[in-house]
């Protein structure tokens, strides 16, 4: 029997990490905005954990950023991936995107998955 955490742990931790980090950054960006400054004034604005520990009540101001940024990125990814899945045959789908094609060729060169077909040029 497989461990549920091994099977679904990373899948659950990744969105949780995205929400936590984008909320923290969004809160810091919002505070800079309210003070009339650009979003990133210092390098510490990109890693705002110390600031957030000093001002935990301002964390709520990062929610708008936390849901907007991943929403935009996911919409973009779905807009590219879903039409491609319908127009490209499943065997050649990895060749449609350069990065996926590179990953498939690398896997084939290491003999990790013999089911991946060779890319035709």
Foldseek 3Di string as FASTA:
>chain_A
DDDPCVVCVVVVVVLVVLLVLQLQLQLQQVVCVVVVHHSPDDPCSNVVPVVCVVPVVSSVNRNVRSPVVVVVVVVVVCVPQVVLPVPDDPLCSLVVDVVSLVVLVVCVVVVVDVVRDHDDD
